[in-house]
Amino acid sequence: MPGNSFGSTFKLTTFGESHGPAMGGVLDGVPAGLELDLERLQKELDRRRPGQSNLTTQRKESDEVVFLSGIFEGKTTGGPIGFSIPNADAKSEDYNHLKDRYRPSHADYTYDAKYGFRDHRGGGRASARETVSRVVGGAIARQLLEHFQTPSGQQPEVSAYVERVQDIGMPSAPAFYDREFVDSSPVRCPDPEVAFRMKSRIEEVRNSGDTVGGSIVVVARHVPAGWGEPVFDKLHADLAKALWSLPAVKGLELGSGFSGTLLKGSEHNDAFSPGADGIRTETNHSGGNSRGHQQRGKHRSAHCI
């Protein structure tokens, strides 16, 4: 079935429903001989696992990945890497009242309109649980990227964190933060004071029976110039497609984003200058390769879950 895959040279196909037997995926394009740290890969899933705090869904899942193909004696074979993550705590009866009802701002009606039939249990394929398969693909991609180096010997790295919850946000500009700082709070905000206020706001609104939105910053650094294709598959376009496909994402900005429209061209231009890895830019308005080696993006989610 089309529409369940992302990527071309490195391609991830996901499968499974929120309340089916398992989630899973098939990863194509991983070269042979890559020695995978399976323990570190599992820690990526543990980081995503639901039920870790009272701010997330209380569904209890071990999220232990089982690899079905493409790995032998800890190394990739070059073939498709198949994997599954069992669903163990799906309480489908909790969704029986939605069998004949559409939840606003969800995919319930859209699925019915498209297929004439839908899986009402937890949203089926439209559930955020689908992202567990993306974590496996991303964890393998992260280990693969460690074998790429810039001329100065640096590796591409990616950092992400919660920047804002409703009207409570970090006062500083987007920056690269080590994971230990991001994970120091269940809100995944690297600023302790702001994280505390975010947590309090989420709990306050949840206790009133409502939800709030927020924004997440993603920063990639040491990204070599020239990655991506010239037009439809340019790096910006692929990043946008990946982020927009996440449930509840309602906006995306790269570089200066929409605020760049408030500037004149002479103010918004990213001036070039020589750097250790070749040509760099003084600023990052275009969301490209600045002196900080950062590709900055921001996407907004409709709900903090």
Protein backbone atom coordinates (compact mmCIF):
# COMPACT_ATOMS: atom_id res chain seq x y z
CA MET A 1 0.00 0.00 0.00
CA PRO A 2 1.54 3.34 -1.03
CA GLY A 3 2.07 6.17 1.41
CA ASN A 4 3.72 4.21 4.22
CA SER A 5 7.34 4.80 3.21
CA PHE A 6 9.77 7.69 3.55
CA GLY A 7 13.10 8.20 1.83
CA SER A 8 14.73 6.83 -1.30
CA THR A 9 18.36 5.71 -0.87
CA PHE A 10 17.70 5.24 2.86
CA LYS A 11 14.05 4.17 2.97
CA LEU A 12 11.83 3.38 5.95
CA THR A 13 8.47 1.66 5.57
CA THR A 14 6.32 1.38 8.69
CA PHE A 15 3.39 -0.89 9.44
CA GLY A 16 0.96 -1.66 12.24
CA GLU A 17 -1.92 -0.09 14.12
CA SER A 18 -2.06 1.34 17.62
CA HIS A 19 -4.14 -1.58 18.89
CA GLY A 20 -2.95 -4.30 16.54
CA PRO A 21 -0.56 -7.11 17.55
CA ALA A 22 2.57 -5.06 16.82
CA MET A 23 4.12 -2.03 15.21
CA GLY A 24 7.07 -2.46 12.91
CA GLY A 25 8.98 -1.52 9.83
CA VAL A 26 11.38 -2.39 7.03
CA LEU A 27 14.53 -0.33 6.50
CA ASP A 28 16.22 -0.43 3.09
CA GLY A 29 19.52 1.12 2.05
CA VAL A 30 21.67 0.37 5.10
CA PRO A 31 25.09 -0.72 3.83
CA ALA A 32 26.52 -4.09 4.79
CA GLY A 33 29.00 -4.35 7.62
CA LEU A 34 27.61 -1.62 9.87
CA GLU A 35 28.15 -2.82 13.44
CA LEU A 36 25.04 -1.86 15.35
CA ASP A 37 25.02 -1.09 19.05
CA LEU A 38 21.69 -2.77 19.79
CA GLU A 39 21.76 -1.73 23.44
CA ARG A 40 22.10 1.92 22.49
CA LEU A 41 19.39 1.49 19.90
CA GLN A 42 17.03 0.09 22.53
CA LYS A 43 17.79 3.09 24.76
CA GLU A 44 16.40 5.32 22.01
CA LEU A 45 13.13 3.40 22.26
CA ASP A 46 13.25 3.54 26.06
CA ARG A 47 13.51 7.31 25.79
CA ARG A 48 10.29 7.42 23.78
CA ARG A 49 8.45 4.75 25.81
CA PRO A 50 5.04 5.91 27.12
CA GLY A 51 4.14 6.07 30.79
CA GLN A 52 7.46 7.56 31.98
CA SER A 53 5.75 10.50 33.68
CA ASN A 54 2.29 11.81 34.42
CA LEU A 55 2.64 14.18 31.45
CA THR A 56 2.43 11.43 28.84
CA THR A 57 -0.04 8.71 27.93
CA GLN A 58 -0.23 6.15 30.74
CA ARG A 59 -0.18 3.22 28.34
CA LYS A 60 2.44 0.74 29.57
CA GLU A 61 4.62 -0.70 26.84
CA SER A 62 8.08 -2.28 27.04
CA ASP A 63 8.76 -1.23 23.43
CA GLU A 64 11.41 -3.91 23.03
CA VAL A 65 12.34 -4.18 19.37
CA VAL A 66 12.69 -7.59 17.72
CA PHE A 67 14.79 -7.71 14.55
CA LEU A 68 13.58 -10.15 11.91
CA SER A 69 16.12 -9.74 9.11
CA GLY A 70 19.09 -7.79 7.82
CA ILE A 71 21.34 -8.26 10.87
CA PHE A 72 23.76 -11.13 11.48
CA GLU A 73 26.16 -11.38 14.41
CA GLY A 74 25.53 -7.74 15.25
CA LYS A 75 26.30 -6.43 11.77
CA THR A 76 24.05 -5.37 8.93
CA THR A 77 23.98 -7.70 5.94
CA GLY A 78 23.00 -5.09 3.35
CA GLY A 79 19.54 -6.61 3.02
CA PRO A 80 16.25 -5.13 4.25
CA ILE A 81 16.19 -4.75 8.04
CA GLY A 82 12.82 -5.96 9.26
CA PHE A 83 11.72 -5.35 12.84
CA SER A 84 8.66 -5.38 15.07
CA ILE A 85 7.64 -3.87 18.42
CA PRO A 86 4.82 -5.76 20.14
CA ASN A 87 1.76 -3.92 21.47
CA ALA A 88 1.11 -5.21 24.99
CA ASP A 89 -1.13 -2.67 26.72
CA ALA A 90 -3.79 -1.77 24.17
CA LYS A 91 -7.13 -1.30 25.93
CA SER A 92 -9.34 -1.35 22.85
CA GLU A 93 -12.58 -1.36 24.87
CA ASP A 94 -11.79 2.19 25.96
CA TYR A 95 -12.48 3.29 22.39
CA ASN A 96 -15.79 1.49 21.81
CA HIS A 97 -17.74 4.71 22.26
CA LEU A 98 -15.90 6.12 19.21
CA LYS A 99 -17.02 3.40 16.81
CA ASP A 100 -19.77 5.62 15.43
CA ARG A 101 -18.32 8.99 16.41
CA TYR A 102 -15.65 11.20 14.89
CA ARG A 103 -13.21 12.99 17.17
CA PRO A 104 -12.66 16.61 16.13
CA SER A 105 -9.19 17.41 14.76
CA HIS A 106 -8.40 13.69 14.40
CA ALA A 107 -8.18 11.48 11.32
CA ASP A 108 -11.37 9.50 12.10
CA TYR A 109 -13.58 11.14 9.49
CA THR A 110 -10.78 11.36 6.91
CA TYR A 111 -10.13 7.62 7.07
CA ASP A 112 -13.83 6.84 6.72
CA ALA A 113 -14.12 9.21 3.77
CA LYS A 114 -11.06 7.73 2.05
CA TYR A 115 -11.56 4.01 2.66
CA GLY A 116 -15.19 3.66 3.72
CA PHE A 117 -13.92 1.83 6.80
CA ARG A 118 -11.66 2.64 9.73
CA ASP A 119 -10.02 1.18 12.79
CA HIS A 120 -11.44 3.26 15.64
CA ARG A 121 -9.18 1.67 18.29
CA GLY A 122 -6.76 4.36 19.32
CA GLY A 123 -6.76 5.93 15.88
CA GLY A 124 -5.31 2.93 14.02
CA ARG A 125 -2.54 4.02 11.65
CA ALA A 126 -3.16 7.66 12.54
CA SER A 127 -2.08 7.09 16.14
CA ALA A 128 1.11 8.68 17.43
CA ARG A 129 2.19 5.14 18.31
CA GLU A 130 3.26 4.79 14.67
CA THR A 131 6.28 6.92 15.58
CA VAL A 132 7.82 4.02 17.51
CA SER A 133 8.88 2.57 14.14
CA ARG A 134 10.43 5.89 13.16
CA VAL A 135 12.54 5.82 16.31
CA VAL A 136 14.08 2.50 15.25
CA GLY A 137 14.84 3.84 11.79
CA GLY A 138 16.21 7.06 13.24
CA ALA A 139 18.39 5.23 15.77
CA ILE A 140 20.00 3.20 12.99
CA ALA A 141 20.41 6.36 10.89
CA ARG A 142 22.12 8.05 13.86
CA GLN A 143 24.67 5.23 14.12
CA LEU A 144 25.20 5.28 10.36
CA LEU A 145 25.87 9.04 10.46
CA GLU A 146 28.70 8.45 12.92
CA HIS A 147 30.69 7.03 10.01
CA PHE A 148 30.40 10.33 8.09
CA GLN A 149 32.90 13.07 8.84
CA THR A 150 33.47 16.59 7.62
CA PRO A 151 36.98 17.54 6.40
CA SER A 152 37.78 18.72 9.93
CA GLY A 153 36.74 15.35 11.38
CA GLN A 154 33.36 16.34 12.81
CA GLN A 155 30.26 14.16 12.65
CA PRO A 156 26.73 15.31 11.79
CA GLU A 157 24.64 15.54 14.97
CA VAL A 158 20.98 16.23 15.71
CA SER A 159 19.43 17.73 18.84
CA ALA A 160 15.75 18.36 19.60
CA TYR A 161 13.91 19.85 22.55
CA VAL A 162 10.65 21.47 23.61
CA GLU A 163 11.01 25.22 23.21
CA ARG A 164 7.52 26.38 24.17
CA VAL A 165 4.32 25.17 25.82
CA GLN A 166 1.40 27.50 25.13
CA ASP A 167 2.79 30.96 26.04
CA ILE A 168 5.69 29.68 28.19
CA GLY A 169 8.87 29.58 26.13
CA MET A 170 12.64 29.65 26.31
CA PRO A 171 14.05 33.18 26.09
CA SER A 172 17.15 32.09 24.18
CA ALA A 173 17.55 31.51 20.45
CA PRO A 174 17.58 27.96 19.08
CA ALA A 175 20.80 26.13 19.99
CA PHE A 176 22.32 22.67 20.13
CA TYR A 177 21.83 21.00 23.54
CA ASP A 178 23.28 17.69 24.67
CA ARG A 179 20.68 15.06 25.40
CA GLU A 180 21.47 14.97 29.14
CA PHE A 181 20.23 18.55 29.45
CA VAL A 182 17.14 17.90 27.33
CA ASP A 183 16.23 14.78 29.30
CA SER A 184 16.76 16.35 32.72
CA SER A 185 13.05 17.23 32.77
CA PRO A 186 10.05 15.11 31.68
CA VAL A 187 8.99 18.09 29.54
CA ARG A 188 12.25 17.69 27.57
CA CYS A 189 13.12 21.36 27.89
CA PRO A 190 16.83 22.11 28.64
CA ASP A 191 16.05 25.22 30.73
CA PRO A 192 15.19 24.02 34.29
CA GLU A 193 13.16 27.09 35.27
CA VAL A 194 11.19 27.18 32.04
CA ALA A 195 10.69 23.39 32.19
CA PHE A 196 9.17 23.69 35.67
CA ARG A 197 6.71 26.32 34.49
CA MET A 198 5.83 24.23 31.43
CA LYS A 199 5.16 21.17 33.58
CA SER A 200 2.93 23.19 35.92
CA ARG A 201 0.94 24.61 33.00
CA ILE A 202 0.39 21.18 31.43
CA GLU A 203 -0.81 19.75 34.73
CA GLU A 204 -3.07 22.73 35.36
CA VAL A 205 -4.73 22.52 31.95
CA ARG A 206 -5.00 18.73 32.07
CA ASN A 207 -6.75 18.89 35.43
CA SER A 208 -9.35 21.14 33.81
CA GLY A 209 -9.95 18.49 31.14
CA ASP A 210 -8.18 20.34 28.33
CA THR A 211 -4.86 20.32 26.44
CA VAL A 212 -2.29 22.87 25.26
CA GLY A 213 0.03 23.10 22.30
CA GLY A 214 3.68 23.96 21.98
CA SER A 215 6.69 24.05 19.71
CA ILE A 216 9.80 21.91 19.32
CA VAL A 217 13.19 22.99 18.00
CA VAL A 218 15.37 20.62 15.98
CA VAL A 219 19.02 21.58 15.40
CA ALA A 220 21.42 19.68 13.15
CA ARG A 221 25.09 20.65 13.10
CA HIS A 222 28.13 19.65 11.05
CA VAL A 223 25.85 18.95 8.05
CA PRO A 224 27.99 18.88 4.89
CA ALA A 225 27.04 21.28 2.11
CA GLY A 226 25.42 19.63 -0.90
CA TRP A 227 23.24 17.03 0.82
CA GLY A 228 19.86 16.59 -0.81
CA GLU A 229 18.64 16.97 -4.38
CA PRO A 230 18.20 20.14 -6.46
CA VAL A 231 14.40 20.57 -6.52
CA PHE A 232 11.63 18.33 -5.20
CA ASP A 233 13.84 16.21 -2.93
CA LYS A 234 15.97 19.03 -1.56
CA LEU A 235 16.98 18.63 2.09
CA HIS A 236 14.48 21.27 3.26
CA ALA A 237 11.67 19.54 1.40
CA ASP A 238 12.49 16.10 2.81
CA LEU A 239 12.73 17.49 6.35
CA ALA A 240 9.38 19.21 5.92
CA LYS A 241 7.75 16.03 4.63
CA ALA A 242 9.05 14.00 7.57
CA LEU A 243 7.96 16.54 10.19
CA TRP A 244 4.60 17.34 8.61
CA SER A 245 3.71 13.64 8.55
CA LEU A 246 3.81 13.52 12.36
CA PRO A 247 0.36 13.56 13.97
CA ALA A 248 -0.79 16.98 15.23
CA VAL A 249 2.00 19.04 13.58
CA LYS A 250 0.45 22.28 12.33
CA GLY A 251 3.39 24.45 11.39
CA LEU A 252 7.04 24.35 10.32
CA GLU A 253 9.73 27.01 10.14
CA LEU A 254 13.29 26.71 8.87
CA GLY A 255 15.92 29.30 9.68
CA SER A 256 14.23 32.64 10.27
CA GLY A 257 10.90 31.20 9.17
CA PHE A 258 8.03 33.59 8.68
CA SER A 259 9.83 36.32 10.60
CA GLY A 260 12.15 36.60 7.61
CA THR A 261 9.32 38.25 5.67
CA LEU A 262 9.66 41.24 8.00
CA LEU A 263 13.23 41.86 6.82
CA LYS A 264 14.60 43.42 3.64
CA GLY A 265 16.66 41.20 1.36
CA SER A 266 19.84 43.02 2.36
CA GLU A 267 19.08 42.19 6.02
CA HIS A 268 18.03 38.59 5.42
CA ASN A 269 20.92 37.50 3.20
CA ASP A 270 23.39 35.03 4.75
CA ALA A 271 26.85 36.40 3.94
CA PHE A 272 29.55 33.86 3.07
CA SER A 273 32.90 33.55 4.82
CA PRO A 274 35.71 30.95 4.84
CA GLY A 275 35.66 28.30 7.57
CA ALA A 276 37.44 25.11 8.64
CA ASP A 277 35.15 23.01 6.46
CA GLY A 278 35.04 25.39 3.51
CA ILE A 279 32.56 28.18 2.88
CA ARG A 280 30.31 29.05 5.82
CA THR A 281 27.66 31.70 6.39
CA GLU A 282 27.65 34.43 9.03
CA THR A 283 23.95 33.95 9.86
CA ASN A 284 21.33 31.24 9.57
CA HIS A 285 18.31 33.09 8.16
CA SER A 286 17.90 30.59 5.32
CA GLY A 287 18.12 27.55 7.58
CA GLY A 288 21.32 26.39 5.93
CA ASN A 289 24.97 25.97 6.74
CA SER A 290 26.02 28.68 9.21
CA ARG A 291 29.22 29.12 11.17
CA GLY A 292 27.66 27.04 13.92
CA HIS A 293 27.28 24.16 11.43
CA GLN A 294 23.56 24.16 12.21
CA GLN A 295 20.45 23.41 10.19
CA ARG A 296 17.67 24.77 12.36
CA GLY A 297 14.05 23.84 12.10
CA LYS A 298 11.02 24.38 14.26
CA HIS A 299 7.72 22.58 14.11
CA ARG A 300 4.61 23.17 16.12
CA SER A 301 2.43 20.44 17.56
CA ALA A 302 -1.26 20.84 18.24
CA HIS A 303 -1.12 19.02 21.57
CA CYS A 304 1.44 18.31 24.27
CA ILE A 305 0.95 14.59 24.93
